[in-house]
Amino acid sequence: MATTVITIVAVLLIAMFCGAPVQASLGFAALVGILGFMGETHIVRFGAVAFTQATSANQMIAPLFILMAEFLARGGIAADIYDVISHALKRIKGGLALATTLASTVFAALCGSSVATAATLGRISIGSMIAKGYRKDFATGVVAAGGTLGIMIPPSMTFVLYGIITETSIAKLLIAGILPGIMLSAMFCISIIIRCKINPSLYDGSEAEKNREEDEKNETLNEMVTTAKRAEAEGFSRRKILTTIPAGILIAIVLITLYTGVATPTESAGYGAVGALIIVIALRRLTFTLMKDTVAAAVRTTCMMLFMAIMGLTLSYVVSYLGIAQGLATLIVETGTGRWTVMILLFILWLILGCLMDPGSMVVLTIPFVFSTLNELGFDPIWVGVCACLMTEVGMITPPVGLNLFVIGNVTGVKLAQVIRGSFPFVVVLLLGLVILCFFPQIALYLPSRM
């Protein structure tokens, strides 16, 4: 078994380091495993998995939720949500940072994507915070961290991918992310309040003069600040509150139909997509360009996820057929290694991989090898999925490949080193959240158990 594992893992890593896409690397590793250890007759598994996934109703969940997110982001709903929350918190110290975190929480429930949440809220909120004298590293760090909530709070695309690969209930996985997502959002807010209390220079503008010369060279940031000041001068419109109400109703419809079982996850996603389209039309914000870009984005992302699922499931078949997962579980039991030691080592592996690849790749790369072993050791698959999503959140704001860091840097023109420095305290908060989930797994398991 050792030779088999070493060969498959080596092929997978070599393919990735050669620059092959993750989907191709997974498929190539599965192909080597089939030809080298199973026999060429098993190649038909590729076709069987591809047909099953391409005709599965579960594959409609992702594009429908992506359509929902794109309509609302491009329709300006996220901007309205931020304006309403920031207006309500404007008298609180660090209120804009809190408003950004809360707006990220709400938009995450409409979006399901960490990068989309960070990019959308980044364009909206960072200019406002800089204009009010917030330090650039603090402002960008708040947005980068808030964006990670899109991975945990439903509709999460990472949960959908995990559910497809492990054949775990997608509805229960999505619902399982609600309480941990709220907990992490609350922890972000508490950390912001504490840091602003300890260090007022984060938000009171005391360092604004030091950065003035540097800011003048940053045309992107200057434009964002100018736009934010102009928007503030125009005043807060109470009509914006009315535009956010339909979005809140839409979130409630999606989550309630999922939780009560009134609709399947696919049907709930359909309600979300149609509801988002109706909202944008009602607000008279639908254009041909918006429709075209939304559909194109949904197609691109769906194709990527579909091929990743096909290759990941085929590799899972190889690992299962060769008895790798079961053998690993038996080896762990016989050597007396504690189940939590295994889980902690997996957390460390996820932390390392999160620094090197995107969330979907990280999950698909590791779950086929470890899922059966974790089941044998008695870990709940839904809890494992929540922990995996939390570790992908960490990976989104850790260098060198933290996607949210690059997104914020590109959106604002702020130096990457400053974005990383501002995001690091929130990495600590996320890891603390992981510890809490380990001690209190019912935070993730309570709502699914009541479905």
Foldseek 3Di string as FASTA:
>chain_A
DVVLVVQLVVQLVVCVVVPHDLLVSLQVSLVCLCVVPNNPVCVCLLVVLLVCLVPDLLLLLQLLLLLLLLLCLLLCLLLLQLLVQLVVQVVPQVSLLLSLLVSLLLSLLSHQALLSSLLSSLLRRQLLQVLQQADNLQSLQSSNLSSLLNCQAPPHPLLSLLCLQVVNQSLLLNLLSHLLSVVLSVLSNVVSNVCCVVPVNRRNNPCSVVCVVVVVVFPLSVVSNVVSVVVVVVPDDPVSVVLNVLSVVLSVQLNVCSLVVVDGSSVSSNSSSVSSVVSSVVVVRDDPVSVVVSSVVSVVVSVVSSSLSSSLNSSLVSCVVVCQQVVVLVVCVVVVPALVVVVVVVLVVLLVVLQPDALNSSCSVPCSRHVSSNVSNPDDSSLVSSLSSLSNSLSLLHYDPNPSLVSSCVNNVDDSVSNNVNNVVSSVSSVVSSVVCVVPVCSSVVSSVSD
